[in-house]
């Protein structure tokens, strides 16, 4: 059984980025907001946040998310990247 990524994501945002990478709070907030959008997108496809695994985040999902950011959220390609 594959495990949900949310625990890893939480540790990455709250432990690894500030302590190991030395990222500033605004950078971490930006990463967090991007992940919230990804979770919102995946949820719109019928996958509960607690069911998101690393396998969920394959090429087609990422590609769909980037297109969704442009079409549904109005982000330009450069903003999205």
PDB file of N, CA and C in Angstrom:
ATOM      1  N   UNK A   1       0.832  -1.171   0.000  1.00  0.00           N
ATOM      2  CA  UNK A   1       0.000   0.000   0.000  1.00  0.00           C
ATOM      3  C   UNK A   1       0.886   1.247   0.000  1.00  0.00           C
ATOM      4  N   UNK A   2       0.571   2.187  -0.857  1.00  0.00           N
ATOM      5  CA  UNK A   2       1.332   3.425  -0.875  1.00  0.00           C
ATOM      6  C   UNK A   2       0.754   4.389   0.143  1.00  0.00           C
ATOM      7  N   UNK A   3       1.586   5.265   0.635  1.00  0.00           N
ATOM      8  CA  UNK A   3       1.123   6.156   1.689  1.00  0.00           C
ATOM      9  C   UNK A   3       0.882   7.562   1.162  1.00  0.00           C
ATOM     10  N   UNK A   4       0.056   8.253   1.867  1.00  0.00           N
ATOM     11  CA  UNK A   4      -0.299   9.626   1.555  1.00  0.00           C
ATOM     12  C   UNK A   4       0.934  10.522   1.700  1.00  0.00           C
ATOM     13  N   UNK A   5       1.032  11.530   0.856  1.00  0.00           N
ATOM     14  CA  UNK A   5       2.188  12.421   0.900  1.00  0.00           C
ATOM     15  C   UNK A   5       2.041  13.557   1.909  1.00  0.00           C
ATOM     16  N   UNK A   6       0.875  13.735   2.504  1.00  0.00           N
ATOM     17  CA  UNK A   6       0.643  14.920   3.327  1.00  0.00           C
ATOM     18  C   UNK A   6       1.590  15.027   4.518  1.00  0.00           C
ATOM     19  N   UNK A   7       1.918  13.920   5.165  1.00  0.00           N
ATOM     20  CA  UNK A   7       2.857  13.974   6.290  1.00  0.00           C
ATOM     21  C   UNK A   7       4.241  14.409   5.815  1.00  0.00           C
ATOM     22  N   UNK A   8       4.691  13.855   4.690  1.00  0.00           N
ATOM     23  CA  UNK A   8       5.989  14.247   4.135  1.00  0.00           C
ATOM     24  C   UNK A   8       5.984  15.717   3.737  1.00  0.00           C
ATOM     25  N   UNK A   9       4.892  16.156   3.147  1.00  0.00           N
ATOM     26  CA  UNK A   9       4.774  17.546   2.724  1.00  0.00           C
ATOM     27  C   UNK A   9       4.827  18.477   3.936  1.00  0.00           C
ATOM     28  N   UNK A  10       4.146  18.101   4.982  1.00  0.00           N
ATOM     29  CA  UNK A  10       4.148  18.900   6.207  1.00  0.00           C
ATOM     30  C   UNK A  10       5.578  19.016   6.757  1.00  0.00           C
ATOM     31  N   UNK A  11       6.282  17.900   6.838  1.00  0.00           N
ATOM     32  CA  UNK A  11       7.666  17.920   7.340  1.00  0.00           C
ATOM     33  C   UNK A  11       8.574  18.743   6.437  1.00  0.00           C
ATOM     34  N   UNK A  12       8.389  18.616   5.133  1.00  0.00           N
ATOM     35  CA  UNK A  12       9.212  19.357   4.176  1.00  0.00           C
ATOM     36  C   UNK A  12       9.018  20.860   4.364  1.00  0.00           C
ATOM     37  N   UNK A  13       7.767  21.285   4.488  1.00  0.00           N
ATOM     38  CA  UNK A  13       7.469  22.709   4.633  1.00  0.00           C
ATOM     39  C   UNK A  13       7.880  23.267   5.993  1.00  0.00           C
ATOM     40  N   UNK A  14       7.686  22.499   7.050  1.00  0.00           N
ATOM     41  CA  UNK A  14       7.866  23.021   8.397  1.00  0.00           C
ATOM     42  C   UNK A  14       9.197  22.693   9.056  1.00  0.00           C
ATOM     43  N   UNK A  15       9.880  21.677   8.542  1.00  0.00           N
ATOM     44  CA  UNK A  15      11.150  21.296   9.142  1.00  0.00           C
ATOM     45  C   UNK A  15      12.317  21.448   8.175  1.00  0.00           C
ATOM     46  N   UNK A  16      12.218  20.788   7.033  1.00  0.00           N
ATOM     47  CA  UNK A  16      13.340  20.753   6.097  1.00  0.00           C
ATOM     48  C   UNK A  16      13.639  22.129   5.491  1.00  0.00           C
ATOM     49  N   UNK A  17      12.628  22.760   4.913  1.00  0.00           N
ATOM     50  CA  UNK A  17      12.880  24.038   4.236  1.00  0.00           C
ATOM     51  C   UNK A  17      13.459  25.108   5.164  1.00  0.00           C
ATOM     52  N   UNK A  18      12.897  25.322   6.349  1.00  0.00           N
ATOM     53  CA  UNK A  18      13.465  26.383   7.188  1.00  0.00           C
ATOM     54  C   UNK A  18      14.802  26.022   7.845  1.00  0.00           C
ATOM     55  N   UNK A  19      14.981  24.765   8.222  1.00  0.00           N
ATOM     56  CA  UNK A  19      16.186  24.422   8.970  1.00  0.00           C
ATOM     57  C   UNK A  19      17.332  23.948   8.081  1.00  0.00           C
ATOM     58  N   UNK A  20      17.068  23.046   7.173  1.00  0.00           N
ATOM     59  CA  UNK A  20      18.131  22.503   6.319  1.00  0.00           C
ATOM     60  C   UNK A  20      18.434  23.447   5.165  1.00  0.00           C
ATOM     61  N   UNK A  21      17.392  23.918   4.496  1.00  0.00           N
ATOM     62  CA  UNK A  21      17.581  24.789   3.334  1.00  0.00           C
ATOM     63  C   UNK A  21      17.692  26.271   3.705  1.00  0.00           C
ATOM     64  N   UNK A  22      17.245  26.627   4.901  1.00  0.00           N
ATOM     65  CA  UNK A  22      17.311  28.019   5.331  1.00  0.00           C
ATOM     66  C   UNK A  22      16.391  28.953   4.556  1.00  0.00           C
ATOM     67  N   UNK A  23      15.284  28.400   4.054  1.00  0.00           N
ATOM     68  CA  UNK A  23      14.342  29.214   3.278  1.00  0.00           C
ATOM     69  C   UNK A  23      13.624  30.202   4.199  1.00  0.00           C
ATOM     70  N   UNK A  24      13.328  31.358   3.655  1.00  0.00           N
ATOM     71  CA  UNK A  24      12.639  32.418   4.386  1.00  0.00           C
ATOM     72  C   UNK A  24      11.142  32.129   4.443  1.00  0.00           C
ATOM     73  N   UNK A  25      10.442  32.696   5.436  1.00  0.00           N
ATOM     74  CA  UNK A  25       9.004  32.446   5.585  1.00  0.00           C
ATOM     75  C   UNK A  25       8.175  32.747   4.333  1.00  0.00           C
ATOM     76  N   UNK A  26       8.492  33.802   3.604  1.00  0.00           N
ATOM     77  CA  UNK A  26       7.709  34.109   2.400  1.00  0.00           C
ATOM     78  C   UNK A  26       7.878  33.042   1.322  1.00  0.00           C
ATOM     79  N   UNK A  27       9.067  32.502   1.209  1.00  0.00           N
ATOM     80  CA  UNK A  27       9.313  31.429   0.239  1.00  0.00           C
ATOM     81  C   UNK A  27       8.534  30.184   0.633  1.00  0.00           C
ATOM     82  N   UNK A  28       8.581  29.842   1.896  1.00  0.00           N
ATOM     83  CA  UNK A  28       7.855  28.666   2.388  1.00  0.00           C
ATOM     84  C   UNK A  28       6.356  28.859   2.193  1.00  0.00           C
ATOM     85  N   UNK A  29       5.860  30.052   2.444  1.00  0.00           N
ATOM     86  CA  UNK A  29       4.438  30.345   2.247  1.00  0.00           C
ATOM     87  C   UNK A  29       4.057  30.193   0.780  1.00  0.00           C
ATOM     88  N   UNK A  30       4.921  30.625  -0.111  1.00  0.00           N
ATOM     89  CA  UNK A  30       4.654  30.482  -1.542  1.00  0.00           C
ATOM     90  C   UNK A  30       4.587  29.008  -1.938  1.00  0.00           C
ATOM     91  N   UNK A  31       5.525  28.216  -1.443  1.00  0.00           N
ATOM     92  CA  UNK A  31       5.503  26.777  -1.711  1.00  0.00           C
ATOM     93  C   UNK A  31       4.230  26.145  -1.153  1.00  0.00           C
ATOM     94  N   UNK A  32       3.871  26.526   0.080  1.00  0.00           N
ATOM     95  CA  UNK A  32       2.663  25.992   0.715  1.00  0.00           C
ATOM     96  C   UNK A  32       1.431  26.330  -0.109  1.00  0.00           C
ATOM     97  N   UNK A  33       1.338  27.570  -0.566  1.00  0.00           N
ATOM     98  CA  UNK A  33       0.189  27.984  -1.367  1.00  0.00           C
ATOM     99  C   UNK A  33       0.110  27.211  -2.677  1.00  0.00           C
ATOM    100  N   UNK A  34       1.256  26.953  -3.286  1.00  0.00           N
ATOM    101  CA  UNK A  34       1.278  26.161  -4.521  1.00  0.00           C
ATOM    102  C   UNK A  34       0.783  24.746  -4.267  1.00  0.00           C
ATOM    103  N   UNK A  35       1.208  24.162  -3.157  1.00  0.00           N
ATOM    104  CA  UNK A  35       0.747  22.817  -2.823  1.00  0.00           C
ATOM    105  C   UNK A  35      -0.740  22.796  -2.505  1.00  0.00           C
ATOM    106  N   UNK A  36      -1.235  23.845  -1.885  1.00  0.00           N
ATOM    107  CA  UNK A  36      -2.682  23.914  -1.627  1.00  0.00           C
ATOM    108  C   UNK A  36      -3.456  23.916  -2.934  1.00  0.00           C
ATOM    109  N   UNK A  37      -2.940  24.631  -3.916  1.00  0.00           N
ATOM    110  CA  UNK A  37      -3.594  24.636  -5.225  1.00  0.00           C
ATOM    111  C   UNK A  37      -3.534  23.254  -5.869  1.00  0.00           C
ATOM    112  N   UNK A  38      -2.394  22.584  -5.749  1.00  0.00           N
ATOM    113  CA  UNK A  38      -2.271  21.228  -6.298  1.00  0.00           C
ATOM    114  C   UNK A  38      -3.285  20.299  -5.634  1.00  0.00           C
ATOM    115  N   UNK A  39      -3.421  20.395  -4.326  1.00  0.00           N
ATOM    116  CA  UNK A  39      -4.370  19.546  -3.606  1.00  0.00           C
ATOM    117  C   UNK A  39      -5.795  19.870  -4.043  1.00  0.00           C
ATOM    118  N   UNK A  40      -6.086  21.149  -4.230  1.00  0.00           N
ATOM    119  CA  UNK A  40      -7.410  21.554  -4.718  1.00  0.00           C
ATOM    120  C   UNK A  40      -7.674  20.965  -6.107  1.00  0.00           C
ATOM    121  N   UNK A  41      -6.678  21.040  -6.983  1.00  0.00           N
ATOM    122  CA  UNK A  41      -6.823  20.489  -8.335  1.00  0.00           C
ATOM    123  C   UNK A  41      -7.061  18.980  -8.283  1.00  0.00           C
ATOM    124  N   UNK A  42      -6.230  18.268  -7.552  1.00  0.00           N
ATOM    125  CA  UNK A  42      -6.359  16.806  -7.472  1.00  0.00           C
ATOM    126  C   UNK A  42      -7.715  16.439  -6.856  1.00  0.00           C
ATOM    127  N   UNK A  43      -8.145  17.204  -5.872  1.00  0.00           N
ATOM    128  CA  UNK A  43      -9.453  16.950  -5.261  1.00  0.00           C
ATOM    129  C   UNK A  43     -10.581  17.131  -6.274  1.00  0.00           C
ATOM    130  N   UNK A  44     -10.420  18.097  -7.174  1.00  0.00           N
ATOM    131  CA  UNK A  44     -11.446  18.314  -8.205  1.00  0.00           C
ATOM    132  C   UNK A  44     -11.541  17.138  -9.165  1.00  0.00           C
ATOM    133  N   UNK A  45     -10.535  16.298  -9.164  1.00  0.00           N
ATOM    134  CA  UNK A  45     -10.517  15.093 -10.005  1.00  0.00           C
ATOM    135  C   UNK A  45     -11.046  13.877  -9.249  1.00  0.00           C
ATOM    136  N   UNK A  46     -11.579  14.114  -8.029  1.00  0.00           N
ATOM    137  CA  UNK A  46     -12.191  13.029  -7.269  1.00  0.00           C
ATOM    138  C   UNK A  46     -11.266  12.296  -6.327  1.00  0.00           C
ATOM    139  N   UNK A  47     -10.079  12.826  -6.092  1.00  0.00           N
ATOM    140  CA  UNK A  47      -9.134  12.177  -5.190  1.00  0.00           C
ATOM    141  C   UNK A  47      -9.092  12.983  -3.894  1.00  0.00           C
ATOM    142  N   UNK A  48      -9.416  12.333  -2.793  1.00  0.00           N
ATOM    143  CA  UNK A  48      -9.375  12.999  -1.493  1.00  0.00           C
ATOM    144  C   UNK A  48      -7.927  13.334  -1.135  1.00  0.00           C
ATOM    145  N   UNK A  49      -7.713  14.457  -0.445  1.00  0.00           N
ATOM    146  CA  UNK A  49      -6.336  14.792  -0.038  1.00  0.00           C
ATOM    147  C   UNK A  49      -5.639  13.652   0.692  1.00  0.00           C
ATOM    148  N   UNK A  50      -6.345  12.941   1.527  1.00  0.00           N
ATOM    149  CA  UNK A  50      -5.732  11.836   2.271  1.00  0.00           C
ATOM    150  C   UNK A  50      -5.365  10.648   1.383  1.00  0.00           C
ATOM    151  N   UNK A  51      -5.831  10.656   0.129  1.00  0.00           N
ATOM    152  CA  UNK A  51      -5.509   9.582  -0.814  1.00  0.00           C
ATOM    153  C   UNK A  51      -4.435   9.970  -1.821  1.00  0.00           C
ATOM    154  N   UNK A  52      -3.890  11.180  -1.711  1.00  0.00           N
ATOM    155  CA  UNK A  52      -2.838  11.604  -2.638  1.00  0.00           C
ATOM    156  C   UNK A  52      -1.539  10.910  -2.241  1.00  0.00           C
ATOM    157  N   UNK A  53      -0.980  10.195  -3.205  1.00  0.00           N
ATOM    158  CA  UNK A  53       0.284   9.492  -3.001  1.00  0.00           C
ATOM    159  C   UNK A  53       1.287  10.009  -4.029  1.00  0.00           C
ATOM    160  N   UNK A  54       2.508   9.548  -3.913  1.00  0.00           N
ATOM    161  CA  UNK A  54       3.505   9.928  -4.916  1.00  0.00           C
ATOM    162  C   UNK A  54       3.097   9.420  -6.290  1.00  0.00           C
ATOM    163  N   UNK A  55       2.433   8.279  -6.344  1.00  0.00           N
ATOM    164  CA  UNK A  55       1.962   7.749  -7.617  1.00  0.00           C
ATOM    165  C   UNK A  55       0.907   8.645  -8.257  1.00  0.00           C
ATOM    166  N   UNK A  56       0.155   9.374  -7.444  1.00  0.00           N
ATOM    167  CA  UNK A  56      -0.856  10.291  -7.955  1.00  0.00           C
ATOM    168  C   UNK A  56      -0.210  11.403  -8.770  1.00  0.00           C
ATOM    169  N   UNK A  57       0.991  11.790  -8.382  1.00  0.00           N
ATOM    170  CA  UNK A  57       1.642  12.957  -8.981  1.00  0.00           C
ATOM    171  C   UNK A  57       2.528  12.570 -10.160  1.00  0.00           C
ATOM    172  N   UNK A  58       1.922  11.914 -11.119  1.00  0.00           N
ATOM    173  CA  UNK A  58       2.620  11.519 -12.333  1.00  0.00           C
ATOM    174  C   UNK A  58       2.527  12.631 -13.375  1.00  0.00           C
ATOM    175  N   UNK A  59       3.173  12.433 -14.491  1.00  0.00           N
ATOM    176  CA  UNK A  59       3.260  13.427 -15.564  1.00  0.00           C
ATOM    177  C   UNK A  59       1.897  14.010 -15.940  1.00  0.00           C
ATOM    178  N   UNK A  60       0.921  13.157 -16.178  1.00  0.00           N
ATOM    179  CA  UNK A  60      -0.393  13.642 -16.628  1.00  0.00           C
ATOM    180  C   UNK A  60      -1.057  14.533 -15.579  1.00  0.00           C
ATOM    181  N   UNK A  61      -0.889  14.202 -14.314  1.00  0.00           N
ATOM    182  CA  UNK A  61      -1.464  15.028 -13.248  1.00  0.00           C
ATOM    183  C   UNK A  61      -0.782  16.388 -13.208  1.00  0.00           C
ATOM    184  N   UNK A  62       0.533  16.405 -13.273  1.00  0.00           N
ATOM    185  CA  UNK A  62       1.273  17.668 -13.249  1.00  0.00           C
ATOM    186  C   UNK A  62       0.934  18.502 -14.473  1.00  0.00           C
ATOM    187  N   UNK A  63       0.881  17.867 -15.629  1.00  0.00           N
ATOM    188  CA  UNK A  63       0.534  18.567 -16.864  1.00  0.00           C
ATOM    189  C   UNK A  63      -0.876  19.164 -16.755  1.00  0.00           C
ATOM    190  N   UNK A  64      -1.821  18.394 -16.249  1.00  0.00           N
ATOM    191  CA  UNK A  64      -3.183  18.882 -16.067  1.00  0.00           C
ATOM    192  C   UNK A  64      -3.247  20.031 -15.076  1.00  0.00           C
ATOM    193  N   UNK A  65      -2.466  19.947 -14.005  1.00  0.00           N
ATOM    194  CA  UNK A  65      -2.421  21.005 -13.005  1.00  0.00           C
ATOM    195  C   UNK A  65      -1.899  22.304 -13.611  1.00  0.00           C
ATOM    196  N   UNK A  66      -0.841  22.227 -14.384  1.00  0.00           N
ATOM    197  CA  UNK A  66      -0.280  23.432 -14.998  1.00  0.00           C
ATOM    198  C   UNK A  66      -1.262  24.064 -15.980  1.00  0.00           C
ATOM    199  N   UNK A  67      -1.954  23.232 -16.737  1.00  0.00           N
ATOM    200  CA  UNK A  67      -2.979  23.744 -17.660  1.00  0.00           C
ATOM    201  C   UNK A  67      -4.124  24.366 -16.870  1.00  0.00           C
ATOM    202  N   UNK A  68      -4.529  23.736 -15.783  1.00  0.00           N
ATOM    203  CA  UNK A  68      -5.587  24.258 -14.920  1.00  0.00           C
ATOM    204  C   UNK A  68      -5.210  25.619 -14.361  1.00  0.00           C
ATOM    205  N   UNK A  69      -3.945  25.773 -13.946  1.00  0.00           N
ATOM    206  CA  UNK A  69      -3.501  27.071 -13.438  1.00  0.00           C
ATOM    207  C   UNK A  69      -3.672  28.163 -14.485  1.00  0.00           C
ATOM    208  N   UNK A  70      -3.385  27.835 -15.731  1.00  0.00           N
ATOM    209  CA  UNK A  70      -3.504  28.820 -16.803  1.00  0.00           C
ATOM    210  C   UNK A  70      -4.961  29.092 -17.165  1.00  0.00           C
ATOM    211  N   UNK A  71      -5.739  28.040 -17.334  1.00  0.00           N
ATOM    212  CA  UNK A  71      -7.101  28.225 -17.840  1.00  0.00           C
ATOM    213  C   UNK A  71      -8.101  28.608 -16.758  1.00  0.00           C
ATOM    214  N   UNK A  72      -8.042  27.972 -15.616  1.00  0.00           N
ATOM    215  CA  UNK A  72      -9.021  28.221 -14.564  1.00  0.00           C
ATOM    216  C   UNK A  72      -8.612  29.349 -13.627  1.00  0.00           C
ATOM    217  N   UNK A  73      -7.327  29.508 -13.419  1.00  0.00           N
ATOM    218  CA  UNK A  73      -6.859  30.518 -12.464  1.00  0.00           C
ATOM    219  C   UNK A  73      -6.294  31.746 -13.158  1.00  0.00           C
ATOM    220  N   UNK A  74      -6.146  31.687 -14.481  1.00  0.00           N
ATOM    221  CA  UNK A  74      -5.679  32.838 -15.238  1.00  0.00           C
ATOM    222  C   UNK A  74      -4.216  33.182 -15.057  1.00  0.00           C
ATOM    223  N   UNK A  75      -3.414  32.203 -14.674  1.00  0.00           N
ATOM    224  CA  UNK A  75      -1.967  32.435 -14.513  1.00  0.00           C
ATOM    225  C   UNK A  75      -1.291  32.369 -15.883  1.00  0.00           C
ATOM    226  N   UNK A  76      -0.398  33.290 -16.133  1.00  0.00           N
ATOM    227  CA  UNK A  76       0.387  33.212 -17.358  1.00  0.00           C
ATOM    228  C   UNK A  76       1.412  32.088 -17.192  1.00  0.00           C
ATOM    229  N   UNK A  77       1.989  31.664 -18.297  1.00  0.00           N
ATOM    230  CA  UNK A  77       3.006  30.613 -18.241  1.00  0.00           C
ATOM    231  C   UNK A  77       4.161  30.979 -17.342  1.00  0.00           C
ATOM    232  N   UNK A  78       4.625  32.222 -17.417  1.00  0.00           N
ATOM    233  CA  UNK A  78       5.756  32.627 -16.579  1.00  0.00           C
ATOM    234  C   UNK A  78       5.378  32.702 -15.106  1.00  0.00           C
ATOM    235  N   UNK A  79       4.173  33.159 -14.792  1.00  0.00           N
ATOM    236  CA  UNK A  79       3.716  33.195 -13.394  1.00  0.00           C
ATOM    237  C   UNK A  79       3.562  31.771 -12.869  1.00  0.00           C
ATOM    238  N   UNK A  80       2.983  30.934 -13.686  1.00  0.00           N
ATOM    239  CA  UNK A  80       2.747  29.554 -13.297  1.00  0.00           C
ATOM    240  C   UNK A  80       4.056  28.851 -12.983  1.00  0.00           C
ATOM    241  N   UNK A  81       5.072  29.071 -13.786  1.00  0.00           N
ATOM    242  CA  UNK A  81       6.354  28.394 -13.575  1.00  0.00           C
ATOM    243  C   UNK A  81       7.033  28.922 -12.326  1.00  0.00           C
TER     244      UNK A  81
END
